[in-house]
Amino acid sequence: MSPQRKIVLASRNPDKVRELQEICADLPFEVVPAADYEGLPDVIEDGTTCEGNATRKALVTAAWTGEIAVADDTCLQVRELNGLPDVFAARFSGSGATYASNAEMLLDLMADVPEGSRQARFLTACVWIDPRPLGEIGPVARPATARWIHNPWARAVELKHPEEAEDFWNGFVDRRRAWRDYRTQLLGDEVSWGHDQARLRQVAEDLIAGGRSTTPAPEGHVRLPDPRIWVADGRRRGKPVTHVAPAGLDREAPGRAVNADRFLEITAHGRVVGSITREKRGHGGFGYDPVFRPGGQDGTMAEMESKAKNALSHRGRALRRLLVSVRGAYGC
């Protein structure tokens, strides 16, 4: 393994970059931020799972840069709210959502839920995509999983009638059906201990309507079809569903000249189970940390010392599991 290979973290968060650099300190990779690549587009995260969203980010970053990409996405799933906020964790309280407004909305919806029914969990998916795997790749150890993805931009197409794009791409793997199934599952549960079920349904409907939006991607952004259309999974004798992709990858992208025919994807998950408190507690962390108490702990994640929090972090667990498998697969 060449020591010059880079890992591009599909995030502009400097804390995440620093964390990955520390974890990879003894590996033959150089960790760099996405901000180092001018012109790298942002990805619209409109998948129905955090793994799907992480895959979207990693796939575009790897294809555009020609370097290994690592991306993550985190969901908060609250049992009493039928699994919400789930993939909408960052925008739970609507347009202009902040960490504070999201946490406050969660507490408001949970105000009348008794102590024994406030269970929740954080779930993080970390995805590694290598667009030019070199040499022999060894087996990927469980619990991480691996699959091969056809280079989506080897044969990019530009539709003559852009307004037909949704129907064209959904003809391979129907993204609309994924959202219909998601809606049915989310609204089909009958969990209720006193909160306003009608209000929760309206919140869910609004979030789903925004999540499955098919409006044109803003300038500098990419909206992908369902990434499964490029997976070589054996059921089609190692062939992807399609060999074509949207023409949304800049022809000047450095990856176009170096990417291989197939990309390697490795995925790992990390979870932390706990409960939702009745009020915000602590000033550390971010997001929902002040209202989430991990199982077996007296305080919230926002009250924990940084070292203790990192030891049980869902993102840290996912990342460590991912890199254990990377070591085995790459022999490093």
C-alpha atoms as a PDB file:
ATOM      1  CA  MET A   1       0.000   0.000   0.000  1.00  0.00           C
ATOM      2  CA  SER A   2       1.456   3.316  -1.089  1.00  0.00           C
ATOM      3  CA  PRO A   3       1.853   5.771   1.793  1.00  0.00           C
ATOM      4  CA  GLN A   4       0.834   8.572  -0.568  1.00  0.00           C
ATOM      5  CA  ARG A   5      -2.794   7.467  -0.822  1.00  0.00           C
ATOM      6  CA  LYS A   6      -5.252   9.966   0.594  1.00  0.00           C
ATOM      7  CA  ILE A   7      -8.523   9.678   2.465  1.00  0.00           C
ATOM      8  CA  VAL A   8     -10.859  12.575   1.758  1.00  0.00           C
ATOM      9  CA  LEU A   9     -13.338  13.079   4.561  1.00  0.00           C
ATOM     10  CA  ALA A  10     -16.650  14.050   2.985  1.00  0.00           C
ATOM     11  CA  SER A  11     -17.217  16.771   5.553  1.00  0.00           C
ATOM     12  CA  ARG A  12     -16.151  20.341   6.122  1.00  0.00           C
ATOM     13  CA  ASN A  13     -16.280  19.866   9.900  1.00  0.00           C
ATOM     14  CA  PRO A  14     -12.708  20.399  11.224  1.00  0.00           C
ATOM     15  CA  ASP A  15     -13.431  18.357  14.379  1.00  0.00           C
ATOM     16  CA  LYS A  16     -14.334  15.311  12.280  1.00  0.00           C
ATOM     17  CA  VAL A  17     -11.189  15.737  10.194  1.00  0.00           C
ATOM     18  CA  ARG A  18      -9.054  15.925  13.332  1.00  0.00           C
ATOM     19  CA  GLU A  19     -10.720  12.816  14.786  1.00  0.00           C
ATOM     20  CA  LEU A  20     -10.110  10.772  11.637  1.00  0.00           C
ATOM     21  CA  GLN A  21      -6.500  11.968  11.445  1.00  0.00           C
ATOM     22  CA  GLU A  22      -5.916  10.783  15.010  1.00  0.00           C
ATOM     23  CA  ILE A  23      -7.512   7.377  14.433  1.00  0.00           C
ATOM     24  CA  CYS A  24      -5.546   6.877  11.198  1.00  0.00           C
ATOM     25  CA  ALA A  25      -2.227   8.074  12.660  1.00  0.00           C
ATOM     26  CA  ASP A  26      -0.579   4.642  12.307  1.00  0.00           C
ATOM     27  CA  LEU A  27      -2.120   3.791   8.924  1.00  0.00           C
ATOM     28  CA  PRO A  28      -0.449   4.499   5.542  1.00  0.00           C
ATOM     29  CA  PHE A  29      -3.039   7.111   4.550  1.00  0.00           C
ATOM     30  CA  GLU A  30      -3.069  10.893   4.583  1.00  0.00           C
ATOM     31  CA  VAL A  31      -6.393  12.310   5.804  1.00  0.00           C
ATOM     32  CA  VAL A  32      -7.476  15.522   4.094  1.00  0.00           C
ATOM     33  CA  PRO A  33     -10.721  17.542   4.265  1.00  0.00           C
ATOM     34  CA  ALA A  34     -13.172  17.939   1.412  1.00  0.00           C
ATOM     35  CA  ALA A  35     -12.440  21.666   1.575  1.00  0.00           C
ATOM     36  CA  ASP A  36      -9.059  20.958  -0.069  1.00  0.00           C
ATOM     37  CA  TYR A  37     -10.863  20.206  -3.349  1.00  0.00           C
ATOM     38  CA  GLU A  38     -12.229  23.324  -4.970  1.00  0.00           C
ATOM     39  CA  GLY A  39     -15.301  22.569  -7.043  1.00  0.00           C
ATOM     40  CA  LEU A  40     -16.258  19.381  -5.172  1.00  0.00           C
ATOM     41  CA  PRO A  41     -20.069  19.483  -5.213  1.00  0.00           C
ATOM     42  CA  ASP A  42     -22.281  19.117  -2.172  1.00  0.00           C
ATOM     43  CA  VAL A  43     -24.570  16.088  -2.156  1.00  0.00           C
ATOM     44  CA  ILE A  44     -28.290  16.296  -1.491  1.00  0.00           C
ATOM     45  CA  GLU A  45     -28.941  13.780   1.286  1.00  0.00           C
ATOM     46  CA  ASP A  46     -32.352  12.494   0.292  1.00  0.00           C
ATOM     47  CA  GLY A  47     -32.006   8.817   1.193  1.00  0.00           C
ATOM     48  CA  THR A  48     -34.357   7.034   3.597  1.00  0.00           C
ATOM     49  CA  THR A  49     -31.494   5.613   5.704  1.00  0.00           C
ATOM     50  CA  CYS A  50     -28.352   7.112   7.200  1.00  0.00           C
ATOM     51  CA  GLU A  51     -26.338   4.446   5.326  1.00  0.00           C
ATOM     52  CA  GLY A  52     -27.898   5.580   2.050  1.00  0.00           C
ATOM     53  CA  ASN A  53     -27.010   9.199   2.758  1.00  0.00           C
ATOM     54  CA  ALA A  54     -23.440   8.357   3.778  1.00  0.00           C
ATOM     55  CA  THR A  55     -23.053   6.299   0.593  1.00  0.00           C
ATOM     56  CA  ARG A  56     -24.233   9.222  -1.519  1.00  0.00           C
ATOM     57  CA  LYS A  57     -21.660  11.553   0.042  1.00  0.00           C
ATOM     58  CA  ALA A  58     -18.791   9.062  -0.183  1.00  0.00           C
ATOM     59  CA  LEU A  59     -19.619   8.032  -3.742  1.00  0.00           C
ATOM     60  CA  VAL A  60     -19.585  11.560  -5.155  1.00  0.00           C
ATOM     61  CA  THR A  61     -16.483  12.540  -3.151  1.00  0.00           C
ATOM     62  CA  ALA A  62     -14.538   9.457  -4.277  1.00  0.00           C
ATOM     63  CA  ALA A  63     -15.584   9.764  -7.913  1.00  0.00           C
ATOM     64  CA  TRP A  64     -14.821  13.489  -8.082  1.00  0.00           C
ATOM     65  CA  THR A  65     -11.459  13.422  -6.300  1.00  0.00           C
ATOM     66  CA  GLY A  66     -10.160  10.028  -7.421  1.00  0.00           C
ATOM     67  CA  GLU A  67      -9.166   9.388  -3.805  1.00  0.00           C
ATOM     68  CA  ILE A  68     -10.552   7.170  -1.060  1.00  0.00           C
ATOM     69  CA  ALA A  69     -13.550   8.878   0.531  1.00  0.00           C
ATOM     70  CA  VAL A  70     -15.021   8.389   3.992  1.00  0.00           C
ATOM     71  CA  ALA A  71     -18.464   9.720   4.891  1.00  0.00           C
ATOM     72  CA  ASP A  72     -20.794   9.272   7.832  1.00  0.00           C
ATOM     73  CA  ASP A  73     -24.375  10.046   8.668  1.00  0.00           C
ATOM     74  CA  THR A  74     -26.151   9.869  12.017  1.00  0.00           C
ATOM     75  CA  CYS A  75     -29.779   9.292  12.929  1.00  0.00           C
ATOM     76  CA  LEU A  76     -31.555   9.665  16.265  1.00  0.00           C
ATOM     77  CA  GLN A  77     -34.418   7.182  16.541  1.00  0.00           C
ATOM     78  CA  VAL A  78     -36.934   7.683  19.361  1.00  0.00           C
ATOM     79  CA  ARG A  79     -39.169   4.705  20.013  1.00  0.00           C
ATOM     80  CA  GLU A  80     -42.165   6.692  21.191  1.00  0.00           C
ATOM     81  CA  LEU A  81     -42.063   8.929  18.103  1.00  0.00           C
ATOM     82  CA  ASN A  82     -42.252   5.964  15.717  1.00  0.00           C
ATOM     83  CA  GLY A  83     -38.512   6.281  15.050  1.00  0.00           C
ATOM     84  CA  LEU A  84     -38.354  10.025  14.399  1.00  0.00           C
ATOM     85  CA  PRO A  85     -36.352  12.206  13.954  1.00  0.00           C
ATOM     86  CA  ASP A  86     -34.397   9.440  12.146  1.00  0.00           C
ATOM     87  CA  VAL A  87     -32.825  10.713   8.894  1.00  0.00           C
ATOM     88  CA  PHE A  88     -34.333  14.140   9.571  1.00  0.00           C
ATOM     89  CA  ALA A  89     -32.309  14.693  12.745  1.00  0.00           C
ATOM     90  CA  ALA A  90     -30.554  17.803  11.402  1.00  0.00           C
ATOM     91  CA  ARG A  91     -33.756  19.462  10.157  1.00  0.00           C
ATOM     92  CA  PHE A  92     -36.341  18.084  12.570  1.00  0.00           C
ATOM     93  CA  SER A  93     -37.756  21.485  13.533  1.00  0.00           C
ATOM     94  CA  GLY A  94     -38.134  22.623   9.944  1.00  0.00           C
ATOM     95  CA  SER A  95     -36.558  25.288   7.763  1.00  0.00           C
ATOM     96  CA  GLY A  96     -33.844  27.163   9.615  1.00  0.00           C
ATOM     97  CA  ALA A  97     -33.468  24.384  12.205  1.00  0.00           C
ATOM     98  CA  THR A  98     -30.713  24.733  14.798  1.00  0.00           C
ATOM     99  CA  TYR A  99     -29.302  22.342  17.388  1.00  0.00           C
ATOM    100  CA  ALA A 100     -31.351  24.159  20.023  1.00  0.00           C
ATOM    101  CA  SER A 101     -34.645  24.225  18.106  1.00  0.00           C
ATOM    102  CA  ASN A 102     -34.375  20.528  17.215  1.00  0.00           C
ATOM    103  CA  ALA A 103     -33.787  19.524  20.844  1.00  0.00           C
ATOM    104  CA  GLU A 104     -36.612  21.768  22.039  1.00  0.00           C
ATOM    105  CA  MET A 105     -39.057  20.285  19.550  1.00  0.00           C
ATOM    106  CA  LEU A 106     -38.101  16.770  20.619  1.00  0.00           C
ATOM    107  CA  LEU A 107     -38.699  17.622  24.286  1.00  0.00           C
ATOM    108  CA  ASP A 108     -42.020  19.237  23.418  1.00  0.00           C
ATOM    109  CA  LEU A 109     -43.269  16.175  21.536  1.00  0.00           C
ATOM    110  CA  MET A 110     -42.132  13.942  24.416  1.00  0.00           C
ATOM    111  CA  ALA A 111     -43.523  16.129  27.232  1.00  0.00           C
ATOM    112  CA  ASP A 112     -46.223  13.687  28.371  1.00  0.00           C
ATOM    113  CA  VAL A 113     -44.348  10.444  27.729  1.00  0.00           C
ATOM    114  CA  PRO A 114     -43.637   8.539  30.990  1.00  0.00           C
ATOM    115  CA  GLU A 115     -40.133   7.551  32.072  1.00  0.00           C
ATOM    116  CA  GLY A 116     -40.425   3.912  31.053  1.00  0.00           C
ATOM    117  CA  SER A 117     -41.225   4.780  27.441  1.00  0.00           C
ATOM    118  CA  ARG A 118     -38.552   7.320  26.534  1.00  0.00           C
ATOM    119  CA  GLN A 119     -36.108   4.903  24.876  1.00  0.00           C
ATOM    120  CA  ALA A 120     -33.974   6.166  21.992  1.00  0.00           C
ATOM    121  CA  ARG A 121     -30.816   5.304  20.132  1.00  0.00           C
ATOM    122  CA  PHE A 122     -28.178   7.029  18.057  1.00  0.00           C
ATOM    123  CA  LEU A 123     -27.163   5.190  14.892  1.00  0.00           C
ATOM    124  CA  THR A 124     -24.187   6.148  12.721  1.00  0.00           C
ATOM    125  CA  ALA A 125     -23.217   4.631   9.394  1.00  0.00           C
ATOM    126  CA  CYS A 126     -19.634   5.123   8.161  1.00  0.00           C
ATOM    127  CA  VAL A 127     -18.894   4.398   4.510  1.00  0.00           C
ATOM    128  CA  TRP A 128     -15.470   3.979   2.848  1.00  0.00           C
ATOM    129  CA  ILE A 129     -15.296   4.078  -0.955  1.00  0.00           C
ATOM    130  CA  ASP A 130     -12.074   3.461  -2.843  1.00  0.00           C
ATOM    131  CA  PRO A 131     -12.448   4.499  -6.510  1.00  0.00           C
ATOM    132  CA  ARG A 132      -9.193   2.845  -7.570  1.00  0.00           C
ATOM    133  CA  PRO A 133      -8.459  -0.169  -5.365  1.00  0.00           C
ATOM    134  CA  LEU A 134      -4.854  -1.181  -5.965  1.00  0.00           C
ATOM    135  CA  GLY A 135      -3.435  -4.675  -5.693  1.00  0.00           C
ATOM    136  CA  GLU A 136      -5.194  -7.531  -3.955  1.00  0.00           C
ATOM    137  CA  ILE A 137      -7.986  -6.647  -1.536  1.00  0.00           C
ATOM    138  CA  GLY A 138      -8.412  -9.126   1.297  1.00  0.00           C
ATOM    139  CA  PRO A 139     -11.645 -10.206   3.002  1.00  0.00           C
ATOM    140  CA  VAL A 140     -13.605  -7.609   4.961  1.00  0.00           C
ATOM    141  CA  ALA A 141     -14.151  -8.653   8.562  1.00  0.00           C
ATOM    142  CA  ARG A 142     -17.573  -8.562  10.174  1.00  0.00           C
ATOM    143  CA  PRO A 143     -19.479  -6.641  11.396  1.00  0.00           C
ATOM    144  CA  ALA A 144     -18.467  -4.366   8.512  1.00  0.00           C
ATOM    145  CA  THR A 145     -19.818  -5.259   5.077  1.00  0.00           C
ATOM    146  CA  ALA A 146     -18.355  -4.788   1.610  1.00  0.00           C
ATOM    147  CA  ARG A 147     -19.614  -4.576  -1.939  1.00  0.00           C
ATOM    148  CA  TRP A 148     -18.348  -3.513  -5.355  1.00  0.00           C
ATOM    149  CA  ILE A 149     -19.838  -0.546  -7.190  1.00  0.00           C
ATOM    150  CA  HIS A 150     -19.536   0.083 -10.901  1.00  0.00           C
ATOM    151  CA  ASN A 151     -17.900   3.423 -11.670  1.00  0.00           C
ATOM    152  CA  PRO A 152     -21.058   5.516 -12.099  1.00  0.00           C
ATOM    153  CA  TRP A 153     -19.411   8.127 -14.305  1.00  0.00           C
ATOM    154  CA  ALA A 154     -17.626   5.821 -16.705  1.00  0.00           C
ATOM    155  CA  ARG A 155     -20.556   6.409 -19.066  1.00  0.00           C
ATOM    156  CA  ALA A 156     -22.368   9.530 -17.936  1.00  0.00           C
ATOM    157  CA  VAL A 157     -25.457  10.588 -19.902  1.00  0.00           C
ATOM    158  CA  GLU A 158     -27.187  13.894 -20.324  1.00  0.00           C
ATOM    159  CA  LEU A 159     -30.890  13.600 -21.038  1.00  0.00           C
ATOM    160  CA  LYS A 160     -32.284  15.531 -23.962  1.00  0.00           C
ATOM    161  CA  HIS A 161     -35.297  16.452 -21.838  1.00  0.00           C
ATOM    162  CA  PRO A 162     -34.116  17.116 -18.236  1.00  0.00           C
ATOM    163  CA  GLU A 163     -37.699  17.162 -16.957  1.00  0.00           C
ATOM    164  CA  GLU A 164     -37.827  13.426 -17.679  1.00  0.00           C
ATOM    165  CA  ALA A 165     -34.864  12.663 -15.394  1.00  0.00           C
ATOM    166  CA  GLU A 166     -36.923  11.428 -12.426  1.00  0.00           C
ATOM    167  CA  ASP A 167     -38.862   8.890 -14.489  1.00  0.00           C
ATOM    168  CA  PHE A 168     -35.713   7.798 -16.318  1.00  0.00           C
ATOM    169  CA  TRP A 169     -33.645   7.055 -13.200  1.00  0.00           C
ATOM    170  CA  ASN A 170     -36.556   5.622 -11.238  1.00  0.00           C
ATOM    171  CA  GLY A 171     -36.984   3.148 -14.058  1.00  0.00           C
ATOM    172  CA  PHE A 172     -33.901   1.353 -12.693  1.00  0.00           C
ATOM    173  CA  VAL A 173     -34.497   1.487  -8.917  1.00  0.00           C
ATOM    174  CA  ASP A 174     -37.549   3.513  -7.919  1.00  0.00           C
ATOM    175  CA  ARG A 175     -36.597   6.126  -5.346  1.00  0.00           C
ATOM    176  CA  ARG A 176     -40.253   7.114  -5.050  1.00  0.00           C
ATOM    177  CA  ARG A 177     -41.152   3.605  -3.943  1.00  0.00           C
ATOM    178  CA  ALA A 178     -38.468   3.737  -1.249  1.00  0.00           C
ATOM    179  CA  TRP A 179     -40.118   6.886   0.114  1.00  0.00           C
ATOM    180  CA  ARG A 180     -43.585   5.333  -0.055  1.00  0.00           C
ATOM    181  CA  ASP A 181     -42.354   2.319   1.904  1.00  0.00           C
ATOM    182  CA  TYR A 182     -40.640   4.604   4.404  1.00  0.00           C
ATOM    183  CA  ARG A 183     -43.824   6.608   4.920  1.00  0.00           C
ATOM    184  CA  THR A 184     -45.902   3.448   5.430  1.00  0.00           C
ATOM    185  CA  GLN A 185     -43.482   2.126   8.038  1.00  0.00           C
ATOM    186  CA  LEU A 186     -43.118   5.439   9.845  1.00  0.00           C
ATOM    187  CA  LEU A 187     -46.834   6.196  10.083  1.00  0.00           C
ATOM    188  CA  GLY A 188     -47.992   2.619  10.578  1.00  0.00           C
ATOM    189  CA  ASP A 189     -46.834   2.195  14.185  1.00  0.00           C
ATOM    190  CA  GLU A 190     -49.339   2.644  16.994  1.00  0.00           C
ATOM    191  CA  VAL A 191     -46.938   3.807  19.679  1.00  0.00           C
ATOM    192  CA  SER A 192     -48.527   6.432  21.932  1.00  0.00           C
ATOM    193  CA  TRP A 193     -48.245   7.348  25.602  1.00  0.00           C
ATOM    194  CA  GLY A 194     -49.972  10.681  25.711  1.00  0.00           C
ATOM    195  CA  HIS A 195     -48.344  12.810  23.049  1.00  0.00           C
ATOM    196  CA  ASP A 196     -50.444  14.341  20.286  1.00  0.00           C
ATOM    197  CA  GLN A 197     -50.499  11.616  17.638  1.00  0.00           C
ATOM    198  CA  ALA A 198     -52.152  13.900  15.078  1.00  0.00           C
ATOM    199  CA  ARG A 199     -49.389  16.453  15.517  1.00  0.00           C
ATOM    200  CA  LEU A 200     -46.714  13.799  15.197  1.00  0.00           C
ATOM    201  CA  ARG A 201     -48.309  12.581  11.972  1.00  0.00           C
ATOM    202  CA  GLN A 202     -48.291  16.112  10.556  1.00  0.00           C
ATOM    203  CA  VAL A 203     -44.658  16.584  11.538  1.00  0.00           C
ATOM    204  CA  ALA A 204     -43.802  13.307   9.811  1.00  0.00           C
ATOM    205  CA  GLU A 205     -45.751  14.189   6.666  1.00  0.00           C
ATOM    206  CA  ASP A 206     -43.994  17.560   6.399  1.00  0.00           C
ATOM    207  CA  LEU A 207     -40.565  16.001   6.847  1.00  0.00           C
ATOM    208  CA  ILE A 208     -41.243  13.257   4.300  1.00  0.00           C
ATOM    209  CA  ALA A 209     -42.537  15.769   1.740  1.00  0.00           C
ATOM    210  CA  GLY A 210     -39.310  17.750   2.089  1.00  0.00           C
ATOM    211  CA  GLY A 211     -37.082  14.680   2.111  1.00  0.00           C
ATOM    212  CA  ARG A 212     -38.396  13.205  -1.114  1.00  0.00           C
ATOM    213  CA  SER A 213     -38.361  16.512  -2.982  1.00  0.00           C
ATOM    214  CA  THR A 214     -37.550  16.207  -6.679  1.00  0.00           C
ATOM    215  CA  THR A 215     -36.893  19.877  -7.335  1.00  0.00           C
ATOM    216  CA  PRO A 216     -33.769  20.550  -9.445  1.00  0.00           C
ATOM    217  CA  ALA A 217     -30.529  20.474  -7.464  1.00  0.00           C
ATOM    218  CA  PRO A 218     -29.194  23.957  -6.645  1.00  0.00           C
ATOM    219  CA  GLU A 219     -25.983  25.053  -8.324  1.00  0.00           C
ATOM    220  CA  GLY A 220     -22.982  23.290  -6.805  1.00  0.00           C
ATOM    221  CA  HIS A 221     -25.099  20.369  -5.581  1.00  0.00           C
ATOM    222  CA  VAL A 222     -25.636  16.856  -6.914  1.00  0.00           C
ATOM    223  CA  ARG A 223     -28.784  14.753  -6.495  1.00  0.00           C
ATOM    224  CA  LEU A 224     -28.120  11.065  -7.109  1.00  0.00           C
ATOM    225  CA  PRO A 225     -30.565   8.357  -8.091  1.00  0.00           C
ATOM    226  CA  ASP A 226     -30.694   5.375  -5.744  1.00  0.00           C
ATOM    227  CA  PRO A 227     -27.014   4.211  -5.556  1.00  0.00           C
ATOM    228  CA  ARG A 228     -28.109   0.570  -5.747  1.00  0.00           C
ATOM    229  CA  ILE A 229     -28.399   0.907  -9.516  1.00  0.00           C
ATOM    230  CA  TRP A 230     -24.594   0.626  -9.746  1.00  0.00           C
ATOM    231  CA  VAL A 231     -24.007  -2.239  -7.297  1.00  0.00           C
ATOM    232  CA  ALA A 232     -22.465  -5.439  -8.666  1.00  0.00           C
ATOM    233  CA  ASP A 233     -24.020  -7.911  -6.224  1.00  0.00           C
ATOM    234  CA  GLY A 234     -23.817 -11.316  -7.852  1.00  0.00           C
ATOM    235  CA  ARG A 235     -27.535 -11.661  -8.476  1.00  0.00           C
ATOM    236  CA  ARG A 236     -26.916 -10.152 -11.896  1.00  0.00           C
ATOM    237  CA  ARG A 237     -23.672 -12.095 -12.335  1.00  0.00           C
ATOM    238  CA  GLY A 238     -21.615  -9.227 -11.001  1.00  0.00           C
ATOM    239  CA  LYS A 239     -23.201  -6.633 -13.268  1.00  0.00           C
ATOM    240  CA  PRO A 240     -24.759  -3.389 -12.081  1.00  0.00           C
ATOM    241  CA  VAL A 241     -28.359  -2.562 -12.891  1.00  0.00           C
ATOM    242  CA  THR A 242     -27.140   0.155 -15.268  1.00  0.00           C
ATOM    243  CA  HIS A 243     -23.843   1.258 -16.789  1.00  0.00           C
ATOM    244  CA  VAL A 244     -24.876   4.884 -17.140  1.00  0.00           C
ATOM    245  CA  ALA A 245     -25.096   7.751 -14.675  1.00  0.00           C
ATOM    246  CA  PRO A 246     -26.177  11.395 -14.582  1.00  0.00           C
ATOM    247  CA  ALA A 247     -23.869  13.868 -16.271  1.00  0.00           C
ATOM    248  CA  GLY A 248     -23.524  15.779 -13.004  1.00  0.00           C
ATOM    249  CA  LEU A 249     -19.820  15.061 -12.438  1.00  0.00           C
ATOM    250  CA  ASP A 250     -17.693  17.924 -13.772  1.00  0.00           C
ATOM    251  CA  ARG A 251     -15.553  16.847 -16.707  1.00  0.00           C
ATOM    252  CA  GLU A 252     -12.647  18.630 -15.052  1.00  0.00           C
ATOM    253  CA  ALA A 253     -12.965  16.526 -11.886  1.00  0.00           C
ATOM    254  CA  PRO A 254      -9.524  15.016 -11.165  1.00  0.00           C
ATOM    255  CA  GLY A 255     -11.015  11.573 -10.564  1.00  0.00           C
ATOM    256  CA  ARG A 256     -12.195  11.165 -14.141  1.00  0.00           C
ATOM    257  CA  ALA A 257      -8.678  10.364 -15.374  1.00  0.00           C
ATOM    258  CA  VAL A 258      -7.758   7.832 -12.677  1.00  0.00           C
ATOM    259  CA  ASN A 259     -10.873   6.051 -11.427  1.00  0.00           C
ATOM    260  CA  ALA A 260     -11.103   2.292 -11.954  1.00  0.00           C
ATOM    261  CA  ASP A 261     -14.048   0.432 -13.487  1.00  0.00           C
ATOM    262  CA  ARG A 262     -15.184  -0.729 -10.043  1.00  0.00           C
ATOM    263  CA  PHE A 263     -15.129   0.973  -6.657  1.00  0.00           C
ATOM    264  CA  LEU A 264     -14.772  -0.840  -3.328  1.00  0.00           C
ATOM    265  CA  GLU A 265     -17.278   0.117  -0.636  1.00  0.00           C
ATOM    266  CA  ILE A 266     -16.924  -0.875   3.048  1.00  0.00           C
ATOM    267  CA  THR A 267     -19.656   0.033   5.543  1.00  0.00           C
ATOM    268  CA  ALA A 268     -19.821  -0.179   9.334  1.00  0.00           C
ATOM    269  CA  HIS A 269     -22.382   0.923  11.922  1.00  0.00           C
ATOM    270  CA  GLY A 270     -22.200   2.165  15.490  1.00  0.00           C
ATOM    271  CA  ARG A 271     -25.067   2.433  17.974  1.00  0.00           C
ATOM    272  CA  VAL A 272     -25.656   3.864  21.422  1.00  0.00           C
ATOM    273  CA  VAL A 273     -28.886   3.044  23.246  1.00  0.00           C
ATOM    274  CA  GLY A 274     -30.314   5.380  25.860  1.00  0.00           C
ATOM    275  CA  SER A 275     -33.279   7.576  26.697  1.00  0.00           C
ATOM    276  CA  ILE A 276     -34.586  11.115  26.223  1.00  0.00           C
ATOM    277  CA  THR A 277     -34.449  13.362  29.276  1.00  0.00           C
ATOM    278  CA  ARG A 278     -37.162  15.857  30.273  1.00  0.00           C
ATOM    279  CA  GLU A 279     -34.935  18.907  29.987  1.00  0.00           C
ATOM    280  CA  LYS A 280     -31.607  19.943  28.530  1.00  0.00           C
ATOM    281  CA  ARG A 281     -28.653  19.050  30.707  1.00  0.00           C
ATOM    282  CA  GLY A 282     -25.006  19.939  30.159  1.00  0.00           C
ATOM    283  CA  HIS A 283     -23.143  22.318  27.889  1.00  0.00           C
ATOM    284  CA  GLY A 284     -20.779  19.994  26.017  1.00  0.00           C
ATOM    285  CA  GLY A 285     -21.289  18.229  22.724  1.00  0.00           C
ATOM    286  CA  PHE A 286     -23.767  19.362  20.117  1.00  0.00           C
ATOM    287  CA  GLY A 287     -27.048  18.377  18.479  1.00  0.00           C
ATOM    288  CA  TYR A 288     -29.210  16.212  20.720  1.00  0.00           C
ATOM    289  CA  ASP A 289     -26.432  15.521  23.245  1.00  0.00           C
ATOM    290  CA  PRO A 290     -28.073  17.651  26.003  1.00  0.00           C
ATOM    291  CA  VAL A 291     -31.281  15.561  25.908  1.00  0.00           C
ATOM    292  CA  PHE A 292     -29.835  12.067  25.361  1.00  0.00           C
ATOM    293  CA  ARG A 293     -28.747   9.956  28.334  1.00  0.00           C
ATOM    294  CA  PRO A 294     -26.809   6.809  27.307  1.00  0.00           C
ATOM    295  CA  GLY A 295     -27.821   3.567  28.969  1.00  0.00           C
ATOM    296  CA  GLY A 296     -25.977   2.972  32.240  1.00  0.00           C
ATOM    297  CA  GLN A 297     -24.987   6.635  32.588  1.00  0.00           C
ATOM    298  CA  ASP A 298     -26.265   9.191  35.087  1.00  0.00           C
ATOM    299  CA  GLY A 299     -25.783  12.209  32.828  1.00  0.00           C
ATOM    300  CA  THR A 300     -26.463  13.202  29.257  1.00  0.00           C
ATOM    301  CA  MET A 301     -23.836  13.088  26.536  1.00  0.00           C
ATOM    302  CA  ALA A 302     -23.491  16.862  26.952  1.00  0.00           C
ATOM    303  CA  GLU A 303     -22.510  16.336  30.604  1.00  0.00           C
ATOM    304  CA  MET A 304     -19.823  13.742  29.905  1.00  0.00           C
ATOM    305  CA  GLU A 305     -16.107  14.423  29.726  1.00  0.00           C
ATOM    306  CA  SER A 306     -14.836  14.355  26.158  1.00  0.00           C
ATOM    307  CA  LYS A 307     -12.761  11.200  26.665  1.00  0.00           C
ATOM    308  CA  ALA A 308     -15.651   9.272  28.231  1.00  0.00           C
ATOM    309  CA  LYS A 309     -18.047  10.409  25.526  1.00  0.00           C
ATOM    310  CA  ASN A 310     -15.689   9.425  22.726  1.00  0.00           C
ATOM    311  CA  ALA A 311     -15.253   5.967  24.270  1.00  0.00           C
ATOM    312  CA  LEU A 312     -18.950   5.170  23.746  1.00  0.00           C
ATOM    313  CA  SER A 313     -19.685   7.471  20.804  1.00  0.00           C
ATOM    314  CA  HIS A 314     -21.824   5.898  18.090  1.00  0.00           C
ATOM    315  CA  ARG A 315     -19.743   7.644  15.438  1.00  0.00           C
ATOM    316  CA  GLY A 316     -16.489   6.553  17.093  1.00  0.00           C
ATOM    317  CA  ARG A 317     -17.694   2.954  17.265  1.00  0.00           C
ATOM    318  CA  ALA A 318     -18.669   2.951  13.601  1.00  0.00           C
ATOM    319  CA  LEU A 319     -15.386   4.533  12.540  1.00  0.00           C
ATOM    320  CA  ARG A 320     -13.251   2.146  14.589  1.00  0.00           C
ATOM    321  CA  ARG A 321     -15.117  -0.878  13.228  1.00  0.00           C
ATOM    322  CA  LEU A 322     -14.678   0.447   9.715  1.00  0.00           C
ATOM    323  CA  LEU A 323     -10.937   0.899  10.101  1.00  0.00           C
ATOM    324  CA  VAL A 324     -10.453  -2.542  11.693  1.00  0.00           C
ATOM    325  CA  SER A 325     -11.913  -4.001   8.511  1.00  0.00           C
ATOM    326  CA  VAL A 326      -9.846  -1.665   6.334  1.00  0.00           C
ATOM    327  CA  ARG A 327      -6.652  -2.905   8.029  1.00  0.00           C
ATOM    328  CA  GLY A 328      -7.532  -6.486   7.163  1.00  0.00           C
ATOM    329  CA  ALA A 329      -8.661  -5.766   3.632  1.00  0.00           C
ATOM    330  CA  TYR A 330      -5.623  -3.659   2.745  1.00  0.00           C
ATOM    331  CA  GLY A 331      -3.087  -5.595   4.807  1.00  0.00           C
ATOM    332  CA  CYS A 332      -1.906  -2.613   6.795  1.00  0.00           C
END
